[in-house]
Amino acid sequence: HVLGKRDKAVEQYHCLCQALRRLLDLEPLPETRALYLDIRDGSLTVDGPNYWLTSAQKTTAQAVPHGPFVGREPEQSELGKALESATRGYGCLAVVKGEGGVGKTRLIEEFLYWASSSPVLILRSRCYAQEQASSYQPIIDALRTYLSIADPSYMKRLDNLWLAEVAKLLPELHNYLPRLPVSPALLADHERNRLYEGLAQFIAHLGQREPLVLFLDDFHTADEPTFDLIHYLGRRLASARVLIILALQREALPDRPSLTGLLHELERGSRLVTIPLARLSEKEVLELVHRTLGRTVELDELGSRLHLETGGNPFFLVEMLKECQESKGVSSGVPAVPSSVRDVIQRRLNRLDDEDVRVLTMAAVIGCQFNSTTLQQVYAGDELDLLKVLDRLLSRGWIVELPGVNPGTYDFSHGLVRDAVYDTLRGDWRQCLHRRAGLALESRASATDEMAGVVAHHFWRACDVDKALRYSLHAAAHARGLYANREAIAHYQRALDIAEQADKALSATEWLEIQYQLGQAYEFLGEYDTAIAIY
């Protein structure tokens, strides 16, 4: 109950009642029965915070994108038409597709900044490969930004049945609406459909007051249950004032057949707008160079060379221009064009102070959105020194501060930057920093199940077998509770792999429990032959 899982508390009460009757032929004490009734009816209040992570900072402002922006007029026009359609009550789903670094995120950020001048509710989050173990995490993060500005009186206009479903993903919703009922038990597949319908009703309800834009960045790295949920939302929100924008890498599609299938289904059954994004033309590259560095004959030559060498990939271009600015190379002629993005980033890293590099690599190990509190635990140094380093990294464009979330929450300027920084670490350093990151996040995992998969990943990379195994099983149980059975199977399988690779003997009880849960998950998915083989 303290963790916001009132339905689980009620379920546990009934299980214990059965155990009392079967083993001792006793009924619960009157005060225990009274406590149960208070929990069931939503009248029990708990002293102190019942959710360890604070709500997002109360802001609806859309951050001003950094740096010059060139071209992309047709693509912005397509997004504008999609928003206009959604505003009229014709729900729309837009997919911005292109290679890594081609400028998908920047295009959408510019569009959202333009859209924020009108009464539009913007919810956004980024998907991370490291968080594929956390079911529905992109949706949770996006909805959590709404709670920072939520109007409880307006939320109450939605049926409690649907709000109770939303609270399964956002337990802190009980802070705003403390008397939500417990959802009645159904068959597992029906409970999943009820969860999806509850989320669809909630999002549509928010869109009734003002048009809603839901932006999920790097969608190709999302977990499989999120794919299923987006398919459901794309179908159910066709008549809602909602625009869903997905940004994904084109080259990632062959490795995610379920995502390819999702896009095909969306094309058939909903108002899908596909916006392919190409590289910049030579004229646009030259304009970007001029608006960044100035207008000289030498820079004309630089612009032509950059377009020839990079093919107009905006990320590569921006990193090269940062290299020019930091090295002051333009004043002494046209700098050499490196062979890869990683070469550019390595050259920029070489000019940072040792302390700046140290903090940057720690952030890369954390791997996703990181806040100064978590980073401070990994850093284990003076807090003011850390904040000064973060200021320098912000000013030099290595990281960005995220709008609409907790103060002091950051992300890398691009996923490619994070990957390149991470790859500079030796194996022993990675192991050490993963252990520190796991310990820093461990307390959060004890308060909210959604972090368990991420914590398991860190401890496995740190070669801490016991904790990696424990949190893998914790994450699997959480995924099953959210009807994300594919994710649960992956967690259970990882637990078995960890035990095998580390030569750790599981007890007969542990092994049988994992096999039983695997069989149930496959049975729910309709893969009966596999389930029977496991049983």
Protein backbone atom coordinates (compact mmCIF):
# COMPACT_ATOMS: atom_id res chain seq x y z
CA HIS A 1 0.00 0.00 0.00
CA VAL A 2 2.85 2.40 0.82
CA LEU A 3 4.23 1.86 -2.69
CA GLY A 4 0.86 2.79 -4.21
CA LYS A 5 -0.17 -0.79 -5.09
CA ARG A 6 -3.49 -0.91 -3.29
CA ASP A 7 -4.81 -3.74 -5.46
CA LYS A 8 -1.80 -5.88 -4.52
CA ALA A 9 -2.32 -5.08 -0.84
CA VAL A 10 -5.95 -6.24 -1.07
CA GLU A 11 -4.91 -9.37 -2.94
CA GLN A 12 -2.28 -10.13 -0.29
CA TYR A 13 -4.87 -9.77 2.49
CA HIS A 14 -7.11 -12.39 0.90
CA CYS A 15 -4.17 -14.77 0.42
CA LEU A 16 -3.22 -14.45 4.07
CA CYS A 17 -6.82 -14.97 5.17
CA GLN A 18 -6.90 -18.25 3.26
CA ALA A 19 -3.60 -19.30 4.85
CA LEU A 20 -4.92 -18.52 8.36
CA ARG A 21 -8.05 -20.57 7.80
CA ARG A 22 -6.24 -23.50 6.21
CA LEU A 23 -3.33 -23.76 8.63
CA LEU A 24 -4.72 -22.44 11.92
CA ASP A 25 -8.49 -22.38 11.42
CA LEU A 26 -8.49 -18.69 12.45
CA GLU A 27 -9.97 -15.43 11.17
CA PRO A 28 -8.07 -12.12 11.01
CA LEU A 29 -8.16 -9.90 14.10
CA PRO A 30 -10.76 -7.08 14.04
CA GLU A 31 -8.05 -4.42 13.76
CA THR A 32 -6.54 -6.27 10.79
CA ARG A 33 -9.97 -6.45 9.16
CA ALA A 34 -10.43 -2.70 9.81
CA LEU A 35 -7.04 -1.94 8.22
CA TYR A 36 -8.03 -4.00 5.17
CA LEU A 37 -11.31 -2.09 4.80
CA ASP A 38 -9.48 1.26 5.02
CA ILE A 39 -7.06 0.17 2.31
CA ARG A 40 -9.82 -1.24 0.12
CA ASP A 41 -11.95 1.89 0.40
CA GLY A 42 -9.03 4.26 -0.12
CA SER A 43 -9.45 5.97 3.25
CA LEU A 44 -6.06 5.04 4.71
CA THR A 45 -3.44 7.78 4.66
CA VAL A 46 0.26 7.08 5.09
CA ASP A 47 2.62 9.42 6.91
CA GLY A 48 5.62 10.54 4.88
CA PRO A 49 6.23 10.29 1.15
CA ASN A 50 4.80 7.22 -0.51
CA TYR A 51 6.84 7.65 -3.67
CA TRP A 52 10.56 8.17 -3.47
CA LEU A 53 11.09 9.99 -6.76
CA THR A 54 9.70 13.50 -6.71
CA SER A 55 7.24 14.59 -9.35
CA ALA A 56 8.46 16.49 -12.34
CA GLN A 57 9.18 20.19 -12.13
CA LYS A 58 6.01 22.18 -12.70
CA THR A 59 6.53 23.63 -16.15
CA THR A 60 4.85 23.46 -19.52
CA ALA A 61 7.50 25.53 -21.30
CA GLN A 62 9.13 23.95 -24.32
CA ALA A 63 12.91 24.40 -24.31
CA VAL A 64 14.37 26.58 -27.05
CA PRO A 65 16.41 24.31 -29.39
CA HIS A 66 20.13 25.13 -29.44
CA GLY A 67 22.10 26.13 -32.52
CA PRO A 68 21.07 27.12 -36.04
CA PHE A 69 18.41 25.12 -37.86
CA VAL A 70 18.34 24.95 -41.65
CA GLY A 71 15.99 23.38 -44.19
CA ARG A 72 13.25 20.88 -43.32
CA GLU A 73 10.36 23.14 -44.38
CA PRO A 74 8.37 20.33 -46.10
CA GLU A 75 8.75 18.04 -43.07
CA GLN A 76 7.65 20.77 -40.65
CA SER A 77 4.66 21.42 -42.86
CA GLU A 78 3.66 17.74 -42.70
CA LEU A 79 3.84 17.79 -38.90
CA GLY A 80 1.80 20.99 -38.84
CA LYS A 81 -0.92 19.37 -40.95
CA ALA A 82 -0.96 16.34 -38.63
CA LEU A 83 -1.43 18.59 -35.59
CA GLU A 84 -4.18 20.55 -37.33
CA SER A 85 -5.96 17.27 -38.10
CA ALA A 86 -5.64 16.12 -34.49
CA THR A 87 -6.93 19.48 -33.23
CA ARG A 88 -10.10 18.92 -35.25
CA GLY A 89 -10.64 15.54 -33.57
CA TYR A 90 -9.00 13.28 -36.14
CA GLY A 91 -6.32 11.53 -34.12
CA CYS A 92 -3.07 11.12 -36.02
CA LEU A 93 0.17 9.19 -35.69
CA ALA A 94 3.29 10.58 -37.38
CA VAL A 95 6.48 8.57 -37.86
CA VAL A 96 9.67 10.52 -38.59
CA LYS A 97 12.09 8.03 -40.09
CA GLY A 98 15.73 8.40 -41.10
CA GLU A 99 19.29 7.28 -40.46
CA GLY A 100 21.04 7.95 -37.15
CA GLY A 101 22.14 11.56 -36.80
CA VAL A 102 20.02 12.85 -39.67
CA GLY A 103 18.19 15.33 -37.43
CA LYS A 104 14.92 13.64 -36.50
CA THR A 105 14.96 14.84 -32.89
CA ARG A 106 15.95 18.39 -33.84
CA LEU A 107 13.18 18.61 -36.45
CA ILE A 108 10.57 17.54 -33.90
CA GLU A 109 11.98 19.81 -31.20
CA GLU A 110 11.65 22.78 -33.57
CA PHE A 111 8.11 21.73 -34.37
CA LEU A 112 7.18 21.34 -30.69
CA TYR A 113 8.67 24.75 -29.90
CA TRP A 114 6.48 26.25 -32.64
CA ALA A 115 3.42 24.27 -31.44
CA SER A 116 3.90 25.38 -27.81
CA SER A 117 2.88 28.92 -28.76
CA SER A 118 -0.69 27.55 -29.01
CA PRO A 119 -2.74 25.86 -26.26
CA VAL A 120 -1.28 22.36 -26.74
CA LEU A 121 -0.33 19.83 -24.08
CA ILE A 122 3.06 18.31 -24.97
CA LEU A 123 4.17 15.04 -23.36
CA ARG A 124 7.50 13.60 -24.41
CA SER A 125 10.07 10.99 -23.51
CA ARG A 126 13.02 9.20 -25.05
CA CYS A 127 13.33 5.45 -25.41
CA TYR A 128 16.58 3.76 -24.44
CA ALA A 129 18.00 0.39 -25.42
CA GLN A 130 19.21 0.02 -21.83
CA GLU A 131 15.59 0.28 -20.64
CA GLN A 132 14.07 -2.39 -22.89
CA ALA A 133 13.94 -4.46 -19.70
CA SER A 134 11.48 -1.92 -18.21
CA SER A 135 8.00 -2.45 -19.63
CA TYR A 136 6.15 0.66 -20.87
CA GLN A 137 8.92 2.95 -19.54
CA PRO A 138 8.62 5.54 -22.37
CA ILE A 139 4.88 5.88 -21.73
CA ILE A 140 5.42 6.06 -17.98
CA ASP A 141 8.01 8.82 -18.38
CA ALA A 142 5.78 10.82 -20.71
CA LEU A 143 2.70 10.59 -18.50
CA ARG A 144 4.77 11.41 -15.45
CA THR A 145 5.58 14.82 -16.96
CA TYR A 146 1.83 15.52 -17.00
CA LEU A 147 1.48 14.86 -13.29
CA SER A 148 3.72 17.87 -12.62
CA ILE A 149 0.97 20.15 -13.99
CA ALA A 150 -2.03 17.89 -13.35
CA ASP A 151 -5.42 19.29 -12.42
CA PRO A 152 -6.91 16.64 -10.07
CA SER A 153 -10.41 18.08 -10.46
CA TYR A 154 -10.22 17.56 -14.22
CA MET A 155 -8.75 14.06 -13.89
CA LYS A 156 -11.66 13.12 -11.59
CA ARG A 157 -14.08 13.64 -14.47
CA LEU A 158 -12.73 10.43 -15.96
CA ASP A 159 -14.28 7.20 -14.69
CA ASN A 160 -12.43 5.76 -11.69
CA LEU A 161 -12.22 2.42 -13.49
CA TRP A 162 -9.80 3.93 -16.03
CA LEU A 163 -7.90 6.01 -13.50
CA ALA A 164 -7.24 2.88 -11.45
CA GLU A 165 -5.65 1.30 -14.52
CA VAL A 166 -3.40 4.33 -15.09
CA ALA A 167 -2.31 4.09 -11.44
CA LYS A 168 -0.87 0.64 -12.15
CA LEU A 169 1.84 2.36 -14.20
CA LEU A 170 1.89 5.60 -12.18
CA PRO A 171 1.47 4.64 -8.51
CA GLU A 172 2.01 8.28 -7.49
CA LEU A 173 -1.39 9.02 -9.03
CA HIS A 174 -2.79 7.93 -5.66
CA ASN A 175 -1.21 11.10 -4.22
CA TYR A 176 -3.57 13.16 -6.40
CA LEU A 177 -6.59 10.83 -6.25
CA PRO A 178 -6.34 8.89 -2.96
CA ARG A 179 -9.67 7.06 -3.16
CA LEU A 180 -9.31 5.17 -6.40
CA PRO A 181 -11.03 1.77 -6.31
CA VAL A 182 -9.32 -1.58 -6.71
CA SER A 183 -9.87 -3.05 -10.17
CA PRO A 184 -11.81 -6.34 -10.07
CA ALA A 185 -9.82 -9.40 -11.12
CA LEU A 186 -10.22 -10.67 -14.69
CA LEU A 187 -8.50 -13.22 -16.89
CA ALA A 188 -4.94 -12.13 -17.62
CA ASP A 189 -5.52 -11.17 -21.27
CA HIS A 190 -8.65 -9.21 -20.31
CA GLU A 191 -6.71 -7.38 -17.61
CA ARG A 192 -4.10 -6.33 -20.17
CA ASN A 193 -6.81 -5.03 -22.50
CA ARG A 194 -8.35 -3.12 -19.61
CA LEU A 195 -4.96 -1.53 -18.85
CA TYR A 196 -4.56 -0.46 -22.48
CA GLU A 197 -8.11 0.89 -22.62
CA GLY A 198 -7.56 2.79 -19.37
CA LEU A 199 -4.46 4.48 -20.83
CA ALA A 200 -6.30 5.28 -24.07
CA GLN A 201 -9.24 6.78 -22.16
CA PHE A 202 -6.86 8.83 -19.99
CA ILE A 203 -4.92 10.25 -22.95
CA ALA A 204 -8.13 10.99 -24.87
CA HIS A 205 -9.55 12.70 -21.78
CA LEU A 206 -6.48 14.97 -21.53
CA GLY A 207 -6.87 15.81 -25.21
CA GLN A 208 -10.44 17.00 -24.72
CA ARG A 209 -9.30 20.06 -22.77
CA GLU A 210 -6.50 20.97 -25.23
CA PRO A 211 -4.90 19.05 -28.10
CA LEU A 212 -2.28 16.62 -26.88
CA VAL A 213 1.03 15.78 -28.56
CA LEU A 214 2.82 12.63 -27.36
CA PHE A 215 6.41 12.45 -28.66
CA LEU A 216 8.50 9.27 -28.22
CA ASP A 217 12.08 9.71 -29.40
CA ASP A 218 14.33 6.82 -30.52
CA PHE A 219 11.24 4.63 -30.71
CA HIS A 220 13.21 1.84 -32.41
CA THR A 221 14.81 1.09 -29.00
CA ALA A 222 11.49 0.81 -27.10
CA ASP A 223 10.41 -2.40 -25.37
CA GLU A 224 7.99 -4.83 -27.01
CA PRO A 225 5.04 -4.05 -24.66
CA THR A 226 5.32 -0.38 -25.66
CA PHE A 227 5.04 -1.44 -29.31
CA ASP A 228 1.83 -3.31 -28.45
CA LEU A 229 0.45 -0.34 -26.53
CA ILE A 230 1.19 2.13 -29.34
CA HIS A 231 -0.63 -0.17 -31.76
CA TYR A 232 -3.65 -0.10 -29.46
CA LEU A 233 -3.49 3.68 -28.99
CA GLY A 234 -3.11 4.28 -32.72
CA ARG A 235 -6.37 2.41 -33.30
CA ARG A 236 -8.37 3.69 -30.33
CA LEU A 237 -7.38 7.36 -30.54
CA ALA A 238 -8.44 7.82 -34.16
CA SER A 239 -11.24 10.15 -33.07
CA ALA A 240 -9.36 11.90 -30.25
CA ARG A 241 -7.55 15.24 -30.23
CA VAL A 242 -4.21 13.48 -29.99
CA LEU A 243 -1.10 13.50 -32.17
CA ILE A 244 1.47 10.78 -31.49
CA ILE A 245 4.92 11.41 -32.98
CA LEU A 246 7.48 8.60 -33.19
CA ALA A 247 11.10 9.16 -34.23
CA LEU A 248 13.02 6.06 -35.29
CA GLN A 249 16.15 5.00 -37.15
CA ARG A 250 15.52 3.46 -40.53
CA GLU A 251 18.51 1.11 -40.30
CA ALA A 252 17.22 -0.39 -37.03
CA LEU A 253 14.09 -1.86 -38.64
CA PRO A 254 15.66 -5.13 -39.90
CA ASP A 255 16.68 -5.96 -36.32
CA ARG A 256 13.21 -5.23 -34.90
CA PRO A 257 10.72 -7.26 -36.98
CA SER A 258 7.98 -6.55 -34.44
CA LEU A 259 8.45 -2.82 -35.08
CA THR A 260 8.24 -3.37 -38.84
CA GLY A 261 5.02 -5.31 -38.30
CA LEU A 262 3.67 -2.54 -36.07
CA LEU A 263 4.27 0.11 -38.74
CA HIS A 264 2.54 -2.02 -41.37
CA GLU A 265 -0.46 -2.51 -39.10
CA LEU A 266 -0.64 1.21 -38.33
CA GLU A 267 -0.59 2.03 -42.03
CA ARG A 268 -3.65 -0.16 -42.53
CA GLY A 269 -5.72 0.75 -39.51
CA SER A 270 -5.05 4.35 -38.44
CA ARG A 271 -4.21 7.82 -39.68
CA LEU A 272 -0.47 7.22 -40.10
CA VAL A 273 1.76 9.90 -41.61
CA THR A 274 5.27 8.74 -42.54
CA ILE A 275 7.86 11.51 -42.85
CA PRO A 276 11.19 10.31 -44.28
CA LEU A 277 14.11 12.56 -43.43
CA ALA A 278 17.03 12.86 -45.84
CA ARG A 279 20.48 14.37 -45.36
CA LEU A 280 21.11 18.06 -45.92
CA SER A 281 21.87 19.36 -49.41
CA GLU A 282 25.16 21.12 -50.18
CA LYS A 283 23.36 24.48 -50.07
CA GLU A 284 21.93 23.67 -46.64
CA VAL A 285 25.34 22.50 -45.37
CA LEU A 286 26.90 25.75 -46.51
CA GLU A 287 24.15 27.73 -44.79
CA LEU A 288 24.73 25.78 -41.57
CA VAL A 289 28.47 26.49 -41.72
CA HIS A 290 27.91 30.19 -42.35
CA ARG A 291 25.36 30.55 -39.55
CA THR A 292 27.70 28.78 -37.14
CA LEU A 293 31.12 30.20 -38.03
CA GLY A 294 30.53 33.22 -40.27
CA ARG A 295 30.88 33.97 -43.96
CA THR A 296 34.33 33.76 -45.57
CA VAL A 297 35.83 32.22 -48.70
CA GLU A 298 37.63 29.64 -46.56
CA LEU A 299 34.36 28.61 -45.00
CA ASP A 300 32.80 28.17 -48.44
CA GLU A 301 35.55 25.67 -49.14
CA LEU A 302 34.97 24.03 -45.74
CA GLY A 303 31.24 23.71 -46.42
CA SER A 304 31.85 22.00 -49.76
CA ARG A 305 34.34 19.59 -48.24
CA LEU A 306 32.08 18.76 -45.30
CA HIS A 307 29.19 18.00 -47.61
CA LEU A 308 31.39 15.79 -49.78
CA GLU A 309 32.91 13.89 -46.85
CA THR A 310 29.82 13.53 -44.66
CA GLY A 311 27.08 13.38 -47.26
CA GLY A 312 25.18 16.04 -45.33
CA ASN A 313 24.58 14.09 -42.10
CA PRO A 314 23.63 16.88 -39.63
CA PHE A 315 25.00 15.20 -36.52
CA PHE A 316 28.42 14.66 -38.08
CA LEU A 317 28.36 18.24 -39.37
CA VAL A 318 27.47 19.76 -36.00
CA GLU A 319 30.17 17.76 -34.23
CA MET A 320 32.71 18.90 -36.84
CA LEU A 321 31.66 22.52 -36.40
CA LYS A 322 32.05 22.20 -32.64
CA GLU A 323 35.51 20.79 -33.31
CA CYS A 324 36.32 23.86 -35.44
CA GLN A 325 35.08 26.25 -32.76
CA GLU A 326 36.91 24.52 -29.91
CA SER A 327 40.21 24.03 -31.76
CA LYS A 328 40.09 27.47 -33.44
CA GLY A 329 41.12 25.55 -36.53
CA VAL A 330 39.30 27.78 -38.99
CA SER A 331 41.66 30.70 -38.47
CA SER A 332 44.63 28.59 -39.61
CA GLY A 333 42.96 27.06 -42.63
CA VAL A 334 40.46 24.30 -43.35
CA PRO A 335 40.73 21.50 -40.73
CA ALA A 336 41.12 17.90 -41.78
CA VAL A 337 37.88 15.96 -41.97
CA PRO A 338 38.14 12.87 -39.71
CA SER A 339 37.13 9.44 -40.91
CA SER A 340 34.27 8.85 -38.47
CA VAL A 341 32.00 10.48 -35.94
CA ARG A 342 33.93 8.70 -33.19
CA ASP A 343 37.15 10.36 -34.36
CA VAL A 344 35.47 13.77 -34.05
CA ILE A 345 34.20 13.00 -30.57
CA GLN A 346 37.57 11.59 -29.50
CA ARG A 347 39.33 14.77 -30.61
CA ARG A 348 36.84 16.84 -28.64
CA LEU A 349 37.29 14.59 -25.61
CA ASN A 350 41.06 15.09 -25.75
CA ARG A 351 40.58 18.82 -25.13
CA LEU A 352 38.48 18.34 -21.98
CA ASP A 353 39.92 18.44 -18.48
CA ASP A 354 40.46 15.04 -16.85
CA GLU A 355 37.67 15.74 -14.36
CA ASP A 356 35.24 16.62 -17.16
CA VAL A 357 36.06 13.37 -18.96
CA ARG A 358 35.64 11.43 -15.72
CA VAL A 359 32.14 12.81 -15.12
CA LEU A 360 31.16 12.33 -18.77
CA THR A 361 32.17 8.66 -18.73
CA MET A 362 30.26 8.10 -15.49
CA ALA A 363 27.16 9.57 -17.09
CA ALA A 364 27.68 7.32 -20.13
CA VAL A 365 27.74 4.26 -17.89
CA ILE A 366 24.45 5.28 -16.24
CA GLY A 367 23.31 5.05 -19.82
CA CYS A 368 20.04 6.95 -20.00
CA GLN A 369 18.60 10.08 -18.50
CA PHE A 370 20.65 10.86 -15.42
CA ASN A 371 20.19 13.35 -12.63
CA SER A 372 22.79 15.11 -10.55
CA THR A 373 21.76 13.17 -7.43
CA THR A 374 22.43 9.76 -9.00
CA LEU A 375 25.57 11.04 -10.69
CA GLN A 376 26.79 12.43 -7.36
CA GLN A 377 26.55 8.95 -5.82
CA VAL A 378 28.63 7.49 -8.63
CA TYR A 379 31.04 10.45 -8.62
CA ALA A 380 31.63 10.30 -4.84
CA GLY A 381 33.24 13.76 -4.83
CA ASP A 382 32.32 17.27 -3.82
CA GLU A 383 28.82 18.23 -5.00
CA LEU A 384 29.78 21.78 -5.96
CA ASP A 385 32.71 20.47 -8.03
CA LEU A 386 30.31 18.15 -9.85
CA LEU A 387 27.87 20.98 -10.59
CA LYS A 388 30.71 23.07 -12.02
CA VAL A 389 31.70 20.19 -14.31
CA LEU A 390 28.08 19.81 -15.46
CA ASP A 391 27.97 23.53 -16.24
CA ARG A 392 31.05 23.18 -18.44
CA LEU A 393 29.66 20.12 -20.23
CA LEU A 394 26.37 21.96 -20.81
CA SER A 395 28.10 25.04 -22.22
CA ARG A 396 30.19 22.91 -24.60
CA GLY A 397 27.21 20.96 -25.91
CA TRP A 398 28.09 17.52 -24.53
CA ILE A 399 24.89 17.21 -22.50
CA VAL A 400 21.52 18.97 -22.37
CA GLU A 401 19.23 19.68 -19.44
CA LEU A 402 15.81 18.18 -19.99
CA PRO A 403 12.72 20.39 -19.79
CA GLY A 404 9.60 19.37 -17.91
CA VAL A 405 11.28 16.92 -15.57
CA ASN A 406 13.03 17.11 -12.21
CA PRO A 407 15.55 19.96 -11.94
CA GLY A 408 19.05 18.68 -12.58
CA THR A 409 18.04 15.93 -15.03
CA TYR A 410 20.26 15.59 -18.09
CA ASP A 411 20.83 13.57 -21.22
CA PHE A 412 23.57 13.40 -23.80
CA SER A 413 23.18 15.73 -26.75
CA HIS A 414 22.82 12.63 -28.92
CA GLY A 415 22.81 8.88 -28.38
CA LEU A 416 25.84 8.58 -30.68
CA VAL A 417 27.80 10.83 -28.33
CA ARG A 418 26.95 8.64 -25.36
CA ASP A 419 27.95 5.48 -27.26
CA ALA A 420 31.27 6.96 -28.37
CA VAL A 421 32.13 8.14 -24.85
CA TYR A 422 31.19 4.75 -23.37
CA ASP A 423 33.41 2.95 -25.89
CA THR A 424 36.47 4.85 -24.63
CA LEU A 425 36.30 3.04 -21.26
CA ARG A 426 38.53 0.08 -20.48
CA GLY A 427 36.82 -3.07 -19.30
CA ASP A 428 37.89 -2.76 -15.67
CA TRP A 429 36.67 0.86 -15.53
CA ARG A 430 33.33 -0.15 -17.00
CA GLN A 431 32.94 -2.88 -14.40
CA CYS A 432 33.75 -0.50 -11.55
CA LEU A 433 31.42 2.24 -12.75
CA HIS A 434 28.56 -0.18 -13.47
CA ARG A 435 28.86 -1.38 -9.87
CA ARG A 436 28.65 2.18 -8.61
CA ALA A 437 25.69 2.93 -10.87
CA GLY A 438 23.91 -0.22 -9.69
CA LEU A 439 24.40 0.73 -6.05
CA ALA A 440 23.20 4.29 -6.72
CA LEU A 441 20.02 3.05 -8.40
CA GLU A 442 19.41 0.15 -6.03
CA SER A 443 17.48 2.17 -3.46
CA ARG A 444 15.20 3.44 -6.22
CA ALA A 445 14.54 -0.15 -7.29
CA SER A 446 13.41 -1.02 -3.78
CA ALA A 447 10.81 1.75 -3.98
CA THR A 448 9.58 1.17 -7.53
CA ASP A 449 9.69 -2.02 -9.57
CA GLU A 450 10.16 -0.21 -12.86
CA MET A 451 13.90 0.24 -12.15
CA ALA A 452 14.61 -3.43 -11.41
CA GLY A 453 15.57 -4.37 -14.97
CA VAL A 454 18.00 -1.45 -15.26
CA VAL A 455 19.60 -2.30 -11.92
CA ALA A 456 19.98 -5.95 -12.98
CA HIS A 457 21.78 -4.77 -16.14
CA HIS A 458 24.28 -2.72 -14.13
CA PHE A 459 25.05 -5.48 -11.65
CA TRP A 460 25.47 -8.04 -14.43
CA ARG A 461 27.94 -5.72 -16.19
CA ALA A 462 29.66 -5.33 -12.80
CA CYS A 463 29.90 -9.15 -12.46
CA ASP A 464 27.81 -9.10 -9.26
CA VAL A 465 26.00 -12.36 -9.95
CA ASP A 466 23.82 -12.48 -6.84
CA LYS A 467 22.34 -9.02 -7.31
CA ALA A 468 22.03 -9.40 -11.09
CA LEU A 469 20.06 -12.61 -10.54
CA ARG A 470 17.88 -11.14 -7.81
CA TYR A 471 16.91 -8.04 -9.76
CA SER A 472 16.34 -10.01 -12.97
CA LEU A 473 13.75 -12.11 -11.14
CA HIS A 474 12.29 -8.95 -9.58
CA ALA A 475 11.99 -7.36 -13.02
CA ALA A 476 10.40 -10.51 -14.44
CA ALA A 477 7.72 -10.55 -11.74
CA HIS A 478 7.01 -6.86 -12.34
CA ALA A 479 6.70 -7.42 -16.11
CA ARG A 480 4.23 -10.27 -15.57
CA GLY A 481 2.19 -8.01 -13.31
CA LEU A 482 1.90 -5.55 -16.21
CA TYR A 483 1.00 -8.35 -18.69
CA ALA A 484 4.33 -7.79 -20.52
CA ASN A 485 4.97 -11.49 -20.89
CA ARG A 486 7.61 -11.20 -23.62
CA GLU A 487 9.64 -8.99 -21.32
CA ALA A 488 9.06 -11.37 -18.41
CA ILE A 489 10.36 -14.28 -20.50
CA ALA A 490 13.47 -12.26 -21.38
CA HIS A 491 14.12 -11.53 -17.70
CA TYR A 492 13.60 -15.13 -16.61
CA GLN A 493 15.83 -16.34 -19.43
CA ARG A 494 18.49 -13.83 -18.47
CA ALA A 495 18.34 -15.10 -14.89
CA LEU A 496 18.95 -18.64 -16.13
CA ASP A 497 21.78 -17.42 -18.40
CA ILE A 498 23.38 -15.51 -15.52
CA ALA A 499 23.29 -18.59 -13.31
CA GLU A 500 24.75 -20.77 -16.08
CA GLN A 501 27.50 -18.37 -17.18
CA ALA A 502 28.54 -17.63 -13.61
CA ASP A 503 28.41 -21.34 -12.71
CA LYS A 504 26.00 -20.52 -9.89
CA ALA A 505 23.85 -23.42 -8.77
CA LEU A 506 20.18 -22.53 -8.29
CA SER A 507 18.25 -24.39 -5.62
CA ALA A 508 15.63 -26.84 -6.84
CA THR A 509 12.90 -24.51 -5.60
CA GLU A 510 14.35 -21.49 -7.45
CA TRP A 511 14.82 -23.44 -10.68
CA LEU A 512 11.30 -24.91 -10.57
CA GLU A 513 9.75 -21.50 -9.84
CA ILE A 514 11.51 -19.91 -12.84
CA GLN A 515 10.46 -22.76 -15.12
CA TYR A 516 6.87 -22.55 -13.87
CA GLN A 517 6.72 -18.80 -14.48
CA LEU A 518 8.26 -19.24 -17.95
CA GLY A 519 5.64 -21.84 -18.79
CA GLN A 520 2.83 -19.56 -17.64
CA ALA A 521 4.17 -16.65 -19.68
CA TYR A 522 4.36 -18.75 -22.84
CA GLU A 523 0.90 -20.15 -22.14
CA PHE A 524 -0.54 -16.64 -21.91
CA LEU A 525 1.07 -15.78 -25.26
CA GLY A 526 -0.63 -18.78 -26.85
CA GLU A 527 2.66 -20.65 -27.44
CA TYR A 528 1.32 -23.84 -25.93
CA ASP A 529 3.91 -26.24 -27.36
CA THR A 530 6.71 -24.28 -25.74
CA ALA A 531 4.78 -24.04 -22.47
CA ILE A 532 4.13 -27.81 -22.43
CA ALA A 533 7.80 -28.53 -23.13
CA ILE A 534 8.80 -26.35 -20.16
CA TYR A 535 6.19 -27.92 -17.86
